[in-house]
Amino acid sequence: MGRNTALETIKSQINENEIVLYMKGTREAPQCGFSSAVTKLLSKLKLPFKDVDVLENKEIREGTKEFTDWPTIPQLYMKGEFVGGHDIVREAHKSGELEQFLKDKGLLSRYQGKRTC
């Protein structure tokens, strides 16, 4: 997979899924604490998401950094928009901004009946 193919794959994944988390490992077996924390938050909010293990493909791992001009993993996308990495997602959740973002994007109401928090 070349650079352009990786960027096209990333763009496709983001456009075809409402929520995408580029992470180290998988939701069932995260390979870093930051990826694990974001996975746990999304699961706690009962938000379905596509997890992409960047450790499986170097071009995807490097492509995500180029795609967003963001140097670290995990990277969270919702409705095609880059939300942020671990620290930003955590702070947005604490401040209530994440919930407002979910409402604005129509994601909260869709999954509201399934939420536990």
Protein backbone atom coordinates (compact mmCIF):
# COMPACT_ATOMS: atom_id res chain seq x y z
CA MET A 1 0.00 0.00 0.00
CA GLY A 2 1.49 3.32 -1.03
CA ARG A 3 1.08 6.76 0.49
CA ASN A 4 -1.78 7.83 -1.80
CA THR A 5 -3.58 4.51 -1.35
CA ALA A 6 -3.28 4.85 2.44
CA LEU A 7 -4.70 8.37 2.37
CA GLU A 8 -7.59 7.22 0.15
CA THR A 9 -8.26 4.30 2.53
CA ILE A 10 -8.34 6.65 5.52
CA LYS A 11 -10.65 9.07 3.73
CA SER A 12 -12.95 6.20 2.78
CA GLN A 13 -13.04 4.79 6.33
CA ILE A 14 -13.89 8.20 7.76
CA ASN A 15 -16.60 8.86 5.18
CA GLU A 16 -18.20 5.41 5.43
CA ASN A 17 -18.38 5.21 9.25
CA GLU A 18 -19.99 7.65 11.67
CA ILE A 19 -17.29 7.13 14.29
CA VAL A 20 -13.75 5.94 13.58
CA LEU A 21 -10.97 5.48 16.10
CA TYR A 22 -7.43 5.04 14.80
CA MET A 23 -5.68 3.33 17.65
CA LYS A 24 -2.84 1.07 18.67
CA GLY A 25 -4.41 -2.37 18.93
CA THR A 26 -8.10 -3.15 18.79
CA ARG A 27 -11.06 -2.31 21.00
CA GLU A 28 -10.79 -5.82 22.48
CA ALA A 29 -7.01 -5.59 22.97
CA PRO A 30 -5.69 -2.01 23.05
CA GLN A 31 -1.90 -1.81 22.88
CA CYS A 32 -1.46 1.53 24.66
CA GLY A 33 -3.08 3.27 27.59
CA PHE A 34 -4.28 6.25 25.57
CA SER A 35 -6.02 4.04 23.00
CA SER A 36 -7.52 2.01 25.82
CA ALA A 37 -8.88 5.12 27.55
CA VAL A 38 -10.63 6.45 24.43
CA THR A 39 -12.02 2.98 23.67
CA LYS A 40 -13.41 2.75 27.21
CA LEU A 41 -15.01 6.19 26.94
CA LEU A 42 -16.72 5.36 23.63
CA SER A 43 -17.90 2.04 25.07
CA LYS A 44 -19.18 3.75 28.23
CA LEU A 45 -21.15 6.15 26.03
CA LYS A 46 -22.42 3.12 24.08
CA LEU A 47 -21.31 4.65 20.81
CA PRO A 48 -20.63 2.13 18.06
CA PHE A 49 -17.34 2.81 16.30
CA LYS A 50 -14.97 1.37 13.77
CA ASP A 51 -11.58 0.65 15.29
CA VAL A 52 -8.54 0.68 13.03
CA ASP A 53 -5.32 -0.86 14.38
CA VAL A 54 -2.52 1.36 13.07
CA LEU A 55 0.07 -1.16 14.25
CA GLU A 56 -1.04 -3.51 11.46
CA ASN A 57 -0.10 -1.13 8.65
CA LYS A 58 2.76 1.38 8.66
CA GLU A 59 1.28 3.37 5.75
CA ILE A 60 -2.04 3.80 7.58
CA ARG A 61 -0.20 4.74 10.80
CA GLU A 62 1.85 7.41 9.03
CA GLY A 63 -1.08 8.38 6.81
CA THR A 64 -3.30 9.27 9.76
CA LYS A 65 -0.66 11.69 10.99
CA GLU A 66 -0.42 13.31 7.56
CA PHE A 67 -4.19 13.30 6.98
CA THR A 68 -4.88 15.44 10.05
CA ASP A 69 -1.46 16.98 10.62
CA TRP A 70 -1.75 15.44 14.10
CA PRO A 71 1.34 13.58 15.35
CA THR A 72 -0.10 11.12 17.83
CA ILE A 73 -2.39 8.10 18.05
CA PRO A 74 -5.23 7.60 18.96
CA GLN A 75 -7.20 9.82 16.61
CA LEU A 76 -10.98 10.03 16.83
CA TYR A 77 -13.31 11.04 13.98
CA MET A 78 -17.05 11.58 14.23
CA LYS A 79 -19.25 12.25 11.20
CA GLY A 80 -16.17 12.88 9.08
CA GLU A 81 -14.70 15.44 11.47
CA PHE A 82 -11.45 15.04 13.40
CA VAL A 83 -12.32 15.32 17.10
CA GLY A 84 -8.84 14.88 18.53
CA GLY A 85 -6.53 12.58 20.39
CA HIS A 86 -6.71 11.21 23.90
CA ASP A 87 -6.17 14.46 25.82
CA ILE A 88 -8.64 16.48 23.76
CA VAL A 89 -11.31 13.77 23.88
CA ARG A 90 -10.86 13.36 27.64
CA GLU A 91 -11.07 17.10 28.30
CA ALA A 92 -14.06 17.51 25.96
CA HIS A 93 -15.85 14.75 27.87
CA LYS A 94 -15.06 16.35 31.24
CA SER A 95 -16.26 19.79 30.11
CA GLY A 96 -19.41 18.53 28.41
CA GLU A 97 -18.21 19.66 24.97
CA LEU A 98 -18.11 16.08 23.70
CA GLU A 99 -21.75 15.53 24.60
CA GLN A 100 -22.69 18.80 22.89
CA PHE A 101 -20.70 17.77 19.81
CA LEU A 102 -22.55 14.43 19.79
CA LYS A 103 -25.88 16.25 20.01
CA ASP A 104 -24.90 18.66 17.23
CA LYS A 105 -23.90 15.78 14.98
CA GLY A 106 -27.10 13.85 15.71
CA LEU A 107 -25.22 10.98 17.31
CA LEU A 108 -26.37 11.41 20.89
CA SER A 109 -30.08 11.22 20.14
CA ARG A 110 -29.56 8.17 17.94
CA TYR A 111 -27.86 6.20 20.71
CA GLN A 112 -29.38 8.02 23.70
CA GLY A 113 -31.69 5.17 24.67
CA LYS A 114 -28.72 2.82 24.86
CA ARG A 115 -26.51 5.04 27.05
CA THR A 116 -25.63 4.20 30.63
CA CYS A 117 -24.16 7.52 31.75
